[in-house]
């Protein structure tokens, strides 16, 4: 299939596909007339990349998953390098959750203090 059809089926743009190609994540074959040519395996790679990016993985973090699929494995996460990326991402997410929990606790304390009734001043005299 040509680049336009692949982009449409993958839900992305041809520009993105050319960028992935420049980064070595997508390999285009060329027809005799010079057009890029892709197949269902390329669509599978793109879907893997897009899914991981939807989960918050940056483009370089998707590389081990793509390499795993290219090596003929049934899933992009069935290789040790992919599992290592999952572990790093989980550690990163745990750190973010911890920081967000701390911020949440601080905001809750500030809100509680702001909503607490102000002490009354008694007037003498």
PDB file of N, CA and C in Angstrom:
ATOM      1  N   UNK A   1       0.853  -1.180   0.000  1.00  0.00           N
ATOM      2  CA  UNK A   1       0.000   0.000   0.000  1.00  0.00           C
ATOM      3  C   UNK A   1       0.893   1.236   0.000  1.00  0.00           C
ATOM      4  N   UNK A   2       0.375   2.300  -0.513  1.00  0.00           N
ATOM      5  CA  UNK A   2       1.123   3.557  -0.560  1.00  0.00           C
ATOM      6  C   UNK A   2       1.014   4.298   0.769  1.00  0.00           C
ATOM      7  N   UNK A   3       1.829   5.333   0.894  1.00  0.00           N
ATOM      8  CA  UNK A   3       1.930   6.067   2.152  1.00  0.00           C
ATOM      9  C   UNK A   3       0.598   6.695   2.565  1.00  0.00           C
ATOM     10  N   UNK A   4      -0.167   7.202   1.612  1.00  0.00           N
ATOM     11  CA  UNK A   4      -1.450   7.818   1.935  1.00  0.00           C
ATOM     12  C   UNK A   4      -2.432   6.834   2.518  1.00  0.00           C
ATOM     13  N   UNK A   5      -2.495   5.644   1.947  1.00  0.00           N
ATOM     14  CA  UNK A   5      -3.399   4.620   2.454  1.00  0.00           C
ATOM     15  C   UNK A   5      -2.955   4.153   3.840  1.00  0.00           C
ATOM     16  N   UNK A   6      -1.650   3.964   4.015  1.00  0.00           N
ATOM     17  CA  UNK A   6      -1.144   3.549   5.324  1.00  0.00           C
ATOM     18  C   UNK A   6      -1.464   4.605   6.376  1.00  0.00           C
ATOM     19  N   UNK A   7      -1.254   5.871   6.042  1.00  0.00           N
ATOM     20  CA  UNK A   7      -1.551   6.954   6.987  1.00  0.00           C
ATOM     21  C   UNK A   7      -3.021   6.934   7.371  1.00  0.00           C
ATOM     22  N   UNK A   8      -3.870   6.777   6.384  1.00  0.00           N
ATOM     23  CA  UNK A   8      -5.312   6.753   6.653  1.00  0.00           C
ATOM     24  C   UNK A   8      -5.687   5.575   7.549  1.00  0.00           C
ATOM     25  N   UNK A   9      -5.189   4.411   7.223  1.00  0.00           N
ATOM     26  CA  UNK A   9      -5.528   3.213   8.007  1.00  0.00           C
ATOM     27  C   UNK A   9      -4.955   3.273   9.418  1.00  0.00           C
ATOM     28  N   UNK A  10      -3.823   3.955   9.575  1.00  0.00           N
ATOM     29  CA  UNK A  10      -3.194   4.063  10.898  1.00  0.00           C
ATOM     30  C   UNK A  10      -3.715   5.257  11.684  1.00  0.00           C
ATOM     31  N   UNK A  11      -4.491   6.111  11.040  1.00  0.00           N
ATOM     32  CA  UNK A  11      -5.026   7.286  11.728  1.00  0.00           C
ATOM     33  C   UNK A  11      -3.976   8.340  12.000  1.00  0.00           C
ATOM     34  N   UNK A  12      -3.067   8.525  11.053  1.00  0.00           N
ATOM     35  CA  UNK A  12      -2.008   9.516  11.211  1.00  0.00           C
ATOM     36  C   UNK A  12      -1.795  10.232   9.886  1.00  0.00           C
ATOM     37  N   UNK A  13      -0.763  11.030   9.815  1.00  0.00           N
ATOM     38  CA  UNK A  13      -0.491  11.780   8.590  1.00  0.00           C
ATOM     39  C   UNK A  13       0.708  11.194   7.848  1.00  0.00           C
ATOM     40  N   UNK A  14       0.788  11.513   6.571  1.00  0.00           N
ATOM     41  CA  UNK A  14       1.946  11.066   5.798  1.00  0.00           C
ATOM     42  C   UNK A  14       3.218  11.719   6.325  1.00  0.00           C
ATOM     43  N   UNK A  15       3.096  12.926   6.808  1.00  0.00           N
ATOM     44  CA  UNK A  15       4.257  13.617   7.378  1.00  0.00           C
ATOM     45  C   UNK A  15       4.810  12.840   8.585  1.00  0.00           C
ATOM     46  N   UNK A  16       3.902  12.367   9.429  1.00  0.00           N
ATOM     47  CA  UNK A  16       4.315  11.573  10.590  1.00  0.00           C
ATOM     48  C   UNK A  16       5.010  10.303  10.142  1.00  0.00           C
ATOM     49  N   UNK A  17       4.478   9.654   9.124  1.00  0.00           N
ATOM     50  CA  UNK A  17       5.094   8.418   8.635  1.00  0.00           C
ATOM     51  C   UNK A  17       6.494   8.680   8.096  1.00  0.00           C
ATOM     52  N   UNK A  18       6.664   9.779   7.377  1.00  0.00           N
ATOM     53  CA  UNK A  18       7.999  10.114   6.878  1.00  0.00           C
ATOM     54  C   UNK A  18       8.946  10.411   8.038  1.00  0.00           C
ATOM     55  N   UNK A  19       8.421  11.029   9.088  1.00  0.00           N
ATOM     56  CA  UNK A  19       9.239  11.291  10.270  1.00  0.00           C
ATOM     57  C   UNK A  19       9.661   9.980  10.931  1.00  0.00           C
ATOM     58  N   UNK A  20       8.723   9.062  11.099  1.00  0.00           N
ATOM     59  CA  UNK A  20       9.051   7.755  11.666  1.00  0.00           C
ATOM     60  C   UNK A  20      10.110   7.052  10.814  1.00  0.00           C
ATOM     61  N   UNK A  21       9.976   7.192   9.509  1.00  0.00           N
ATOM     62  CA  UNK A  21      10.961   6.600   8.602  1.00  0.00           C
ATOM     63  C   UNK A  21      12.341   7.235   8.830  1.00  0.00           C
ATOM     64  N   UNK A  22      12.375   8.548   8.990  1.00  0.00           N
ATOM     65  CA  UNK A  22      13.658   9.224   9.207  1.00  0.00           C
ATOM     66  C   UNK A  22      14.291   8.815  10.532  1.00  0.00           C
ATOM     67  N   UNK A  23      13.472   8.418  11.498  1.00  0.00           N
ATOM     68  CA  UNK A  23      13.961   7.976  12.808  1.00  0.00           C
ATOM     69  C   UNK A  23      14.262   6.479  12.841  1.00  0.00           C
ATOM     70  N   UNK A  24      14.026   5.781  11.740  1.00  0.00           N
ATOM     71  CA  UNK A  24      14.334   4.364  11.665  1.00  0.00           C
ATOM     72  C   UNK A  24      13.286   3.449  12.268  1.00  0.00           C
ATOM     73  N   UNK A  25      12.118   3.992  12.576  1.00  0.00           N
ATOM     74  CA  UNK A  25      11.051   3.173  13.151  1.00  0.00           C
ATOM     75  C   UNK A  25      10.185   2.513  12.083  1.00  0.00           C
ATOM     76  N   UNK A  26      10.200   3.070  10.918  1.00  0.00           N
ATOM     77  CA  UNK A  26       9.405   2.548   9.816  1.00  0.00           C
ATOM     78  C   UNK A  26      10.317   2.472   8.599  1.00  0.00           C
ATOM     79  N   UNK A  27      10.323   1.334   7.957  1.00  0.00           N
ATOM     80  CA  UNK A  27      11.175   1.154   6.779  1.00  0.00           C
ATOM     81  C   UNK A  27      10.300   1.052   5.541  1.00  0.00           C
ATOM     82  N   UNK A  28      10.451   1.989   4.645  1.00  0.00           N
ATOM     83  CA  UNK A  28       9.664   1.962   3.418  1.00  0.00           C
ATOM     84  C   UNK A  28      10.443   1.245   2.322  1.00  0.00           C
ATOM     85  N   UNK A  29       9.745   0.381   1.654  1.00  0.00           N
ATOM     86  CA  UNK A  29      10.304  -0.194   0.443  1.00  0.00           C
ATOM     87  C   UNK A  29       9.871   0.718  -0.698  1.00  0.00           C
ATOM     88  N   UNK A  30      10.570   0.686  -1.787  1.00  0.00           N
ATOM     89  CA  UNK A  30      10.232   1.536  -2.929  1.00  0.00           C
ATOM     90  C   UNK A  30       9.810   0.673  -4.115  1.00  0.00           C
ATOM     91  N   UNK A  31       8.776   1.137  -4.792  1.00  0.00           N
ATOM     92  CA  UNK A  31       8.354   0.462  -6.015  1.00  0.00           C
ATOM     93  C   UNK A  31       9.284   0.893  -7.145  1.00  0.00           C
ATOM     94  N   UNK A  32       9.119   0.291  -8.311  1.00  0.00           N
ATOM     95  CA  UNK A  32       9.968   0.621  -9.465  1.00  0.00           C
ATOM     96  C   UNK A  32       9.875   2.095  -9.838  1.00  0.00           C
ATOM     97  N   UNK A  33       8.713   2.694  -9.607  1.00  0.00           N
ATOM     98  CA  UNK A  33       8.550   4.104  -9.953  1.00  0.00           C
ATOM     99  C   UNK A  33       8.894   5.038  -8.784  1.00  0.00           C
ATOM    100  N   UNK A  34       9.434   4.486  -7.685  1.00  0.00           N
ATOM    101  CA  UNK A  34       9.918   5.309  -6.580  1.00  0.00           C
ATOM    102  C   UNK A  34       8.941   5.562  -5.454  1.00  0.00           C
ATOM    103  N   UNK A  35       7.706   5.075  -5.590  1.00  0.00           N
ATOM    104  CA  UNK A  35       6.733   5.285  -4.516  1.00  0.00           C
ATOM    105  C   UNK A  35       7.072   4.417  -3.311  1.00  0.00           C
ATOM    106  N   UNK A  36       6.788   4.949  -2.132  1.00  0.00           N
ATOM    107  CA  UNK A  36       6.942   4.143  -0.924  1.00  0.00           C
ATOM    108  C   UNK A  36       5.888   3.042  -0.939  1.00  0.00           C
ATOM    109  N   UNK A  37       6.280   1.869  -0.450  1.00  0.00           N
ATOM    110  CA  UNK A  37       5.375   0.730  -0.440  1.00  0.00           C
ATOM    111  C   UNK A  37       5.400   0.105   0.947  1.00  0.00           C
ATOM    112  N   UNK A  38       4.214  -0.124   1.506  1.00  0.00           N
ATOM    113  CA  UNK A  38       4.080  -0.669   2.851  1.00  0.00           C
ATOM    114  C   UNK A  38       3.166  -1.875   2.819  1.00  0.00           C
ATOM    115  N   UNK A  39       3.208  -2.664   3.902  1.00  0.00           N
ATOM    116  CA  UNK A  39       2.331  -3.826   3.991  1.00  0.00           C
ATOM    117  C   UNK A  39       1.660  -3.859   5.369  1.00  0.00           C
ATOM    118  N   UNK A  40       0.946  -4.940   5.629  1.00  0.00           N
ATOM    119  CA  UNK A  40       0.202  -5.077   6.882  1.00  0.00           C
ATOM    120  C   UNK A  40       1.129  -5.081   8.102  1.00  0.00           C
ATOM    121  N   UNK A  41       2.341  -5.605   7.939  1.00  0.00           N
ATOM    122  CA  UNK A  41       3.296  -5.586   9.053  1.00  0.00           C
ATOM    123  C   UNK A  41       3.641  -4.151   9.452  1.00  0.00           C
ATOM    124  N   UNK A  42       3.754  -3.284   8.466  1.00  0.00           N
ATOM    125  CA  UNK A  42       4.029  -1.872   8.761  1.00  0.00           C
ATOM    126  C   UNK A  42       2.860  -1.239   9.503  1.00  0.00           C
ATOM    127  N   UNK A  43       1.665  -1.593   9.111  1.00  0.00           N
ATOM    128  CA  UNK A  43       0.479  -1.088   9.808  1.00  0.00           C
ATOM    129  C   UNK A  43       0.485  -1.573  11.256  1.00  0.00           C
ATOM    130  N   UNK A  44       0.868  -2.798  11.471  1.00  0.00           N
ATOM    131  CA  UNK A  44       0.958  -3.354  12.832  1.00  0.00           C
ATOM    132  C   UNK A  44       1.985  -2.580  13.657  1.00  0.00           C
ATOM    133  N   UNK A  45       3.137  -2.269  13.056  1.00  0.00           N
ATOM    134  CA  UNK A  45       4.155  -1.478  13.756  1.00  0.00           C
ATOM    135  C   UNK A  45       3.612  -0.109  14.140  1.00  0.00           C
ATOM    136  N   UNK A  46       2.927   0.510  13.208  1.00  0.00           N
ATOM    137  CA  UNK A  46       2.358   1.837  13.481  1.00  0.00           C
ATOM    138  C   UNK A  46       1.322   1.792  14.589  1.00  0.00           C
ATOM    139  N   UNK A  47       0.513   0.789  14.588  1.00  0.00           N
ATOM    140  CA  UNK A  47      -0.493   0.666  15.649  1.00  0.00           C
ATOM    141  C   UNK A  47       0.165   0.484  17.008  1.00  0.00           C
ATOM    142  N   UNK A  48       1.268  -0.256  17.036  1.00  0.00           N
ATOM    143  CA  UNK A  48       2.011  -0.439  18.284  1.00  0.00           C
ATOM    144  C   UNK A  48       2.570   0.904  18.756  1.00  0.00           C
ATOM    145  N   UNK A  49       3.179   1.642  17.837  1.00  0.00           N
ATOM    146  CA  UNK A  49       3.746   2.950  18.172  1.00  0.00           C
ATOM    147  C   UNK A  49       2.654   3.878  18.694  1.00  0.00           C
ATOM    148  N   UNK A  50       1.548   3.939  17.980  1.00  0.00           N
ATOM    149  CA  UNK A  50       0.461   4.850  18.355  1.00  0.00           C
ATOM    150  C   UNK A  50      -0.133   4.480  19.715  1.00  0.00           C
ATOM    151  N   UNK A  51      -0.321   3.205  19.968  1.00  0.00           N
ATOM    152  CA  UNK A  51      -0.866   2.765  21.251  1.00  0.00           C
ATOM    153  C   UNK A  51       0.062   3.160  22.391  1.00  0.00           C
ATOM    154  N   UNK A  52       1.349   2.906  22.212  1.00  0.00           N
ATOM    155  CA  UNK A  52       2.313   3.258  23.256  1.00  0.00           C
ATOM    156  C   UNK A  52       2.361   4.769  23.474  1.00  0.00           C
ATOM    157  N   UNK A  53       2.304   5.529  22.396  1.00  0.00           N
ATOM    158  CA  UNK A  53       2.305   6.987  22.552  1.00  0.00           C
ATOM    159  C   UNK A  53       1.034   7.459  23.255  1.00  0.00           C
ATOM    160  N   UNK A  54      -0.083   6.813  22.988  1.00  0.00           N
ATOM    161  CA  UNK A  54      -1.322   7.155  23.697  1.00  0.00           C
ATOM    162  C   UNK A  54      -1.186   6.895  25.193  1.00  0.00           C
ATOM    163  N   UNK A  55      -0.354   5.919  25.557  1.00  0.00           N
ATOM    164  CA  UNK A  55      -0.102   5.608  26.971  1.00  0.00           C
ATOM    165  C   UNK A  55       0.933   6.526  27.595  1.00  0.00           C
ATOM    166  N   UNK A  56       1.516   7.428  26.799  1.00  0.00           N
ATOM    167  CA  UNK A  56       2.485   8.375  27.338  1.00  0.00           C
ATOM    168  C   UNK A  56       3.937   8.033  27.070  1.00  0.00           C
ATOM    169  N   UNK A  57       4.194   7.030  26.261  1.00  0.00           N
ATOM    170  CA  UNK A  57       5.563   6.685  25.901  1.00  0.00           C
ATOM    171  C   UNK A  57       6.054   7.668  24.845  1.00  0.00           C
ATOM    172  N   UNK A  58       7.316   8.114  24.969  1.00  0.00           N
ATOM    173  CA  UNK A  58       7.839   8.971  23.909  1.00  0.00           C
ATOM    174  C   UNK A  58       8.287   8.080  22.750  1.00  0.00           C
ATOM    175  N   UNK A  59       8.583   8.698  21.636  1.00  0.00           N
ATOM    176  CA  UNK A  59       8.855   7.942  20.422  1.00  0.00           C
ATOM    177  C   UNK A  59      10.032   6.983  20.592  1.00  0.00           C
ATOM    178  N   UNK A  60      11.091   7.415  21.229  1.00  0.00           N
ATOM    179  CA  UNK A  60      12.248   6.534  21.416  1.00  0.00           C
ATOM    180  C   UNK A  60      11.916   5.341  22.310  1.00  0.00           C
ATOM    181  N   UNK A  61      11.006   5.522  23.248  1.00  0.00           N
ATOM    182  CA  UNK A  61      10.616   4.414  24.116  1.00  0.00           C
ATOM    183  C   UNK A  61       9.870   3.324  23.349  1.00  0.00           C
ATOM    184  N   UNK A  62       9.345   3.650  22.175  1.00  0.00           N
ATOM    185  CA  UNK A  62       8.629   2.652  21.384  1.00  0.00           C
ATOM    186  C   UNK A  62       9.575   1.753  20.584  1.00  0.00           C
ATOM    187  N   UNK A  63      10.819   2.190  20.424  1.00  0.00           N
ATOM    188  CA  UNK A  63      11.764   1.465  19.571  1.00  0.00           C
ATOM    189  C   UNK A  63      11.921  -0.022  19.939  1.00  0.00           C
ATOM    190  N   UNK A  64      12.116  -0.385  21.211  1.00  0.00           N
ATOM    191  CA  UNK A  64      12.264  -1.815  21.519  1.00  0.00           C
ATOM    192  C   UNK A  64      11.032  -2.643  21.135  1.00  0.00           C
ATOM    193  N   UNK A  65       9.867  -2.061  21.219  1.00  0.00           N
ATOM    194  CA  UNK A  65       8.641  -2.766  20.853  1.00  0.00           C
ATOM    195  C   UNK A  65       8.604  -2.998  19.336  1.00  0.00           C
ATOM    196  N   UNK A  66       8.986  -1.973  18.585  1.00  0.00           N
ATOM    197  CA  UNK A  66       9.041  -2.081  17.128  1.00  0.00           C
ATOM    198  C   UNK A  66      10.087  -3.123  16.728  1.00  0.00           C
ATOM    199  N   UNK A  67      11.262  -3.051  17.344  1.00  0.00           N
ATOM    200  CA  UNK A  67      12.311  -4.020  17.037  1.00  0.00           C
ATOM    201  C   UNK A  67      11.855  -5.443  17.348  1.00  0.00           C
ATOM    202  N   UNK A  68      11.119  -5.601  18.420  1.00  0.00           N
ATOM    203  CA  UNK A  68      10.610  -6.918  18.813  1.00  0.00           C
ATOM    204  C   UNK A  68       9.652  -7.463  17.751  1.00  0.00           C
ATOM    205  N   UNK A  69       8.743  -6.621  17.282  1.00  0.00           N
ATOM    206  CA  UNK A  69       7.818  -7.050  16.231  1.00  0.00           C
ATOM    207  C   UNK A  69       8.570  -7.372  14.946  1.00  0.00           C
ATOM    208  N   UNK A  70       9.538  -6.528  14.596  1.00  0.00           N
ATOM    209  CA  UNK A  70      10.320  -6.763  13.377  1.00  0.00           C
ATOM    210  C   UNK A  70      11.086  -8.081  13.448  1.00  0.00           C
ATOM    211  N   UNK A  71      11.463  -8.478  14.649  1.00  0.00           N
ATOM    212  CA  UNK A  71      12.206  -9.728  14.819  1.00  0.00           C
ATOM    213  C   UNK A  71      11.300 -10.951  14.697  1.00  0.00           C
ATOM    214  N   UNK A  72       9.995 -10.703  14.506  1.00  0.00           N
ATOM    215  CA  UNK A  72       9.068 -11.811  14.291  1.00  0.00           C
ATOM    216  C   UNK A  72       8.325 -12.281  15.522  1.00  0.00           C
ATOM    217  N   UNK A  73       8.465 -11.565  16.616  1.00  0.00           N
ATOM    218  CA  UNK A  73       7.744 -11.957  17.826  1.00  0.00           C
ATOM    219  C   UNK A  73       6.256 -11.623  17.671  1.00  0.00           C
ATOM    220  N   UNK A  74       5.403 -12.375  18.358  1.00  0.00           N
ATOM    221  CA  UNK A  74       3.960 -12.174  18.193  1.00  0.00           C
ATOM    222  C   UNK A  74       3.455 -10.857  18.774  1.00  0.00           C
ATOM    223  N   UNK A  75       4.174 -10.315  19.739  1.00  0.00           N
ATOM    224  CA  UNK A  75       3.764  -9.053  20.360  1.00  0.00           C
ATOM    225  C   UNK A  75       5.008  -8.205  20.611  1.00  0.00           C
ATOM    226  N   UNK A  76       4.820  -6.902  20.576  1.00  0.00           N
ATOM    227  CA  UNK A  76       5.935  -5.990  20.773  1.00  0.00           C
ATOM    228  C   UNK A  76       6.498  -6.016  22.172  1.00  0.00           C
ATOM    229  N   UNK A  77       5.738  -6.539  23.105  1.00  0.00           N
ATOM    230  CA  UNK A  77       6.215  -6.556  24.490  1.00  0.00           C
ATOM    231  C   UNK A  77       6.655  -7.950  24.931  1.00  0.00           C
ATOM    232  N   UNK A  78       7.040  -8.786  23.975  1.00  0.00           N
ATOM    233  CA  UNK A  78       7.484 -10.136  24.329  1.00  0.00           C
ATOM    234  C   UNK A  78       9.008 -10.272  24.307  1.00  0.00           C
ATOM    235  N   UNK A  79       9.723  -9.146  24.315  1.00  0.00           N
ATOM    236  CA  UNK A  79      11.186  -9.155  24.316  1.00  0.00           C
ATOM    237  C   UNK A  79      11.707  -8.485  25.588  1.00  0.00           C
ATOM    238  N   UNK A  80      12.863  -8.897  26.072  1.00  0.00           N
ATOM    239  CA  UNK A  80      13.412  -8.312  27.299  1.00  0.00           C
ATOM    240  C   UNK A  80      13.574  -6.784  27.248  1.00  0.00           C
ATOM    241  N   UNK A  81      13.973  -6.243  26.110  1.00  0.00           N
ATOM    242  CA  UNK A  81      14.157  -4.784  26.029  1.00  0.00           C
ATOM    243  C   UNK A  81      12.834  -4.045  26.194  1.00  0.00           C
ATOM    244  N   UNK A  82      11.776  -4.605  25.682  1.00  0.00           N
ATOM    245  CA  UNK A  82      10.448  -3.997  25.830  1.00  0.00           C
ATOM    246  C   UNK A  82      10.007  -4.037  27.287  1.00  0.00           C
ATOM    247  N   UNK A  83      10.252  -5.159  27.928  1.00  0.00           N
ATOM    248  CA  UNK A  83       9.885  -5.283  29.341  1.00  0.00           C
ATOM    249  C   UNK A  83      10.662  -4.288  30.195  1.00  0.00           C
ATOM    250  N   UNK A  84      11.916  -4.042  29.828  1.00  0.00           N
ATOM    251  CA  UNK A  84      12.715  -3.049  30.560  1.00  0.00           C
ATOM    252  C   UNK A  84      12.114  -1.655  30.410  1.00  0.00           C
ATOM    253  N   UNK A  85      11.594  -1.347  29.232  1.00  0.00           N
ATOM    254  CA  UNK A  85      10.937  -0.046  29.027  1.00  0.00           C
ATOM    255  C   UNK A  85       9.683   0.032  29.886  1.00  0.00           C
ATOM    256  N   UNK A  86       8.905  -1.034  29.929  1.00  0.00           N
ATOM    257  CA  UNK A  86       7.729  -1.056  30.798  1.00  0.00           C
ATOM    258  C   UNK A  86       8.125  -0.785  32.253  1.00  0.00           C
ATOM    259  N   UNK A  87       9.190  -1.438  32.707  1.00  0.00           N
ATOM    260  CA  UNK A  87       9.626  -1.241  34.101  1.00  0.00           C
ATOM    261  C   UNK A  87      10.027   0.207  34.368  1.00  0.00           C
ATOM    262  N   UNK A  88      10.791   0.786  33.435  1.00  0.00           N
ATOM    263  CA  UNK A  88      11.195   2.199  33.598  1.00  0.00           C
ATOM    264  C   UNK A  88       9.977   3.123  33.591  1.00  0.00           C
ATOM    265  N   UNK A  89       9.030   2.842  32.715  1.00  0.00           N
ATOM    266  CA  UNK A  89       7.825   3.678  32.632  1.00  0.00           C
ATOM    267  C   UNK A  89       7.006   3.556  33.908  1.00  0.00           C
ATOM    268  N   UNK A  90       6.887   2.356  34.452  1.00  0.00           N
ATOM    269  CA  UNK A  90       6.150   2.181  35.710  1.00  0.00           C
ATOM    270  C   UNK A  90       6.828   2.937  36.848  1.00  0.00           C
ATOM    271  N   UNK A  91       8.148   2.885  36.903  1.00  0.00           N
ATOM    272  CA  UNK A  91       8.878   3.625  37.943  1.00  0.00           C
ATOM    273  C   UNK A  91       8.657   5.131  37.775  1.00  0.00           C
ATOM    274  N   UNK A  92       8.674   5.586  36.532  1.00  0.00           N
ATOM    275  CA  UNK A  92       8.421   7.004  36.258  1.00  0.00           C
ATOM    276  C   UNK A  92       7.007   7.393  36.695  1.00  0.00           C
ATOM    277  N   UNK A  93       6.041   6.565  36.351  1.00  0.00           N
ATOM    278  CA  UNK A  93       4.652   6.841  36.726  1.00  0.00           C
ATOM    279  C   UNK A  93       4.462   6.811  38.239  1.00  0.00           C
ATOM    280  N   UNK A  94       5.112   5.867  38.908  1.00  0.00           N
ATOM    281  CA  UNK A  94       5.024   5.810  40.370  1.00  0.00           C
ATOM    282  C   UNK A  94       5.575   7.092  40.990  1.00  0.00           C
ATOM    283  N   UNK A  95       6.679   7.596  40.449  1.00  0.00           N
ATOM    284  CA  UNK A  95       7.240   8.854  40.936  1.00  0.00           C
ATOM    285  C   UNK A  95       6.289  10.017  40.726  1.00  0.00           C
ATOM    286  N   UNK A  96       5.656  10.060  39.563  1.00  0.00           N
ATOM    287  CA  UNK A  96       4.678  11.123  39.281  1.00  0.00           C
ATOM    288  C   UNK A  96       3.480  11.022  40.216  1.00  0.00           C
ATOM    289  N   UNK A  97       3.008   9.818  40.439  1.00  0.00           N
ATOM    290  CA  UNK A  97       1.873   9.615  41.347  1.00  0.00           C
ATOM    291  C   UNK A  97       2.237  10.075  42.753  1.00  0.00           C
ATOM    292  N   UNK A  98       3.442   9.733  43.212  1.00  0.00           N
ATOM    293  CA  UNK A  98       3.885  10.162  44.541  1.00  0.00           C
ATOM    294  C   UNK A  98       3.922  11.690  44.631  1.00  0.00           C
ATOM    295  N   UNK A  99       4.489  12.335  43.613  1.00  0.00           N
ATOM    296  CA  UNK A  99       4.550  13.808  43.623  1.00  0.00           C
ATOM    297  C   UNK A  99       3.154  14.416  43.589  1.00  0.00           C
ATOM    298  N   UNK A 100       2.282  13.856  42.761  1.00  0.00           N
ATOM    299  CA  UNK A 100       0.916  14.363  42.699  1.00  0.00           C
ATOM    300  C   UNK A 100       0.173  14.147  44.012  1.00  0.00           C
ATOM    301  N   UNK A 101       0.422  13.031  44.661  1.00  0.00           N
ATOM    302  CA  UNK A 101      -0.200  12.778  45.968  1.00  0.00           C
ATOM    303  C   UNK A 101       0.255  13.807  46.992  1.00  0.00           C
ATOM    304  N   UNK A 102       1.540  14.150  46.964  1.00  0.00           N
ATOM    305  CA  UNK A 102       2.059  15.183  47.867  1.00  0.00           C
ATOM    306  C   UNK A 102       1.411  16.535  47.586  1.00  0.00           C
ATOM    307  N   UNK A 103       1.316  16.886  46.324  1.00  0.00           N
ATOM    308  CA  UNK A 103       0.686  18.161  45.948  1.00  0.00           C
ATOM    309  C   UNK A 103      -0.776  18.161  46.368  1.00  0.00           C
ATOM    310  N   UNK A 104      -1.457  17.038  46.147  1.00  0.00           N
ATOM    311  CA  UNK A 104      -2.866  16.941  46.531  1.00  0.00           C
ATOM    312  C   UNK A 104      -3.027  17.148  48.033  1.00  0.00           C
ATOM    313  N   UNK A 105      -2.157  16.525  48.806  1.00  0.00           N
ATOM    314  CA  UNK A 105      -2.234  16.668  50.261  1.00  0.00           C
ATOM    315  C   UNK A 105      -2.003  18.126  50.669  1.00  0.00           C
ATOM    316  N   UNK A 106      -1.069  18.794  50.026  1.00  0.00           N
ATOM    317  CA  UNK A 106      -0.811  20.203  50.337  1.00  0.00           C
ATOM    318  C   UNK A 106      -2.011  21.074  49.985  1.00  0.00           C
ATOM    319  N   UNK A 107      -2.603  20.840  48.833  1.00  0.00           N
ATOM    320  CA  UNK A 107      -3.779  21.613  48.426  1.00  0.00           C
ATOM    321  C   UNK A 107      -4.938  21.350  49.379  1.00  0.00           C
ATOM    322  N   UNK A 108      -5.128  20.115  49.789  1.00  0.00           N
ATOM    323  CA  UNK A 108      -6.203  19.781  50.735  1.00  0.00           C
ATOM    324  C   UNK A 108      -5.986  20.500  52.064  1.00  0.00           C
ATOM    325  N   UNK A 109      -4.731  20.564  52.532  1.00  0.00           N
ATOM    326  CA  UNK A 109      -4.440  21.285  53.785  1.00  0.00           C
ATOM    327  C   UNK A 109      -4.735  22.773  53.631  1.00  0.00           C
ATOM    328  N   UNK A 110      -4.317  23.342  52.513  1.00  0.00           N
ATOM    329  CA  UNK A 110      -4.571  24.766  52.268  1.00  0.00           C
ATOM    330  C   UNK A 110      -6.074  25.055  52.219  1.00  0.00           C
ATOM    331  N   UNK A 111      -6.814  24.188  51.573  1.00  0.00           N
ATOM    332  CA  UNK A 111      -8.261  24.356  51.494  1.00  0.00           C
ATOM    333  C   UNK A 111      -8.888  24.265  52.877  1.00  0.00           C
ATOM    334  N   UNK A 112      -8.465  23.278  53.651  1.00  0.00           N
ATOM    335  CA  UNK A 112      -9.011  23.125  55.005  1.00  0.00           C
ATOM    336  C   UNK A 112      -8.726  24.358  55.850  1.00  0.00           C
ATOM    337  N   UNK A 113      -7.510  24.881  55.737  1.00  0.00           N
ATOM    338  CA  UNK A 113      -7.167  26.097  56.487  1.00  0.00           C
ATOM    339  C   UNK A 113      -7.977  27.295  56.011  1.00  0.00           C
ATOM    340  N   UNK A 114      -8.168  27.396  54.719  1.00  0.00           N
ATOM    341  CA  UNK A 114      -8.906  28.530  54.168  1.00  0.00           C
ATOM    342  C   UNK A 114     -10.391  28.473  54.533  1.00  0.00           C
ATOM    343  N   UNK A 115     -10.923  27.277  54.679  1.00  0.00           N
ATOM    344  CA  UNK A 115     -12.343  27.127  55.004  1.00  0.00           C
ATOM    345  C   UNK A 115     -12.620  27.130  56.503  1.00  0.00           C
ATOM    346  N   UNK A 116     -11.559  26.988  57.287  1.00  0.00           N
ATOM    347  CA  UNK A 116     -11.762  26.982  58.743  1.00  0.00           C
ATOM    348  C   UNK A 116     -12.271  28.347  59.179  1.00  0.00           C
ATOM    349  N   UNK A 117     -13.196  28.352  60.137  1.00  0.00           N
ATOM    350  CA  UNK A 117     -13.704  29.649  60.604  1.00  0.00           C
ATOM    351  C   UNK A 117     -12.559  30.456  61.234  1.00  0.00           C
ATOM    352  N   UNK A 118     -12.567  31.721  60.909  1.00  0.00           N
ATOM    353  CA  UNK A 118     -11.535  32.619  61.468  1.00  0.00           C
ATOM    354  C   UNK A 118     -11.815  32.824  62.949  1.00  0.00           C
ATOM    355  N   UNK A 119     -10.755  32.886  63.751  1.00  0.00           N
ATOM    356  CA  UNK A 119     -10.974  33.124  65.184  1.00  0.00           C
ATOM    357  C   UNK A 119     -11.593  34.512  65.389  1.00  0.00           C
ATOM    358  N   UNK A 120     -12.503  34.582  66.336  1.00  0.00           N
ATOM    359  CA  UNK A 120     -13.171  35.860  66.614  1.00  0.00           C
ATOM    360  C   UNK A 120     -12.320  36.683  67.570  1.00  0.00           C
ATOM    361  N   UNK A 121     -12.305  37.924  67.305  1.00  0.00           N
ATOM    362  CA  UNK A 121     -11.619  38.850  68.212  1.00  0.00           C
ATOM    363  C   UNK A 121     -12.670  39.391  69.172  1.00  0.00           C
ATOM    364  N   UNK A 122     -12.398  39.283  70.445  1.00  0.00           N
ATOM    365  CA  UNK A 122     -13.320  39.824  71.426  1.00  0.00           C
ATOM    366  C   UNK A 122     -12.909  41.231  71.756  1.00  0.00           C
ATOM    367  N   UNK A 123     -13.854  42.079  71.757  1.00  0.00           N
ATOM    368  CA  UNK A 123     -13.577  43.490  72.056  1.00  0.00           C
ATOM    369  C   UNK A 123     -13.769  43.705  73.544  1.00  0.00           C
ATOM    370  N   UNK A 124     -12.845  44.368  74.152  1.00  0.00           N
ATOM    371  CA  UNK A 124     -12.980  44.713  75.571  1.00  0.00           C
ATOM    372  C   UNK A 124     -13.181  46.208  75.682  1.00  0.00           C
ATOM    373  N   UNK A 125     -13.867  46.564  76.638  1.00  0.00           N
ATOM    374  CA  UNK A 125     -13.932  47.988  76.856  1.00  0.00           C
ATOM    375  C   UNK A 125     -15.192  48.522  77.101  1.00  0.00           C
TER     376      UNK A 125
END
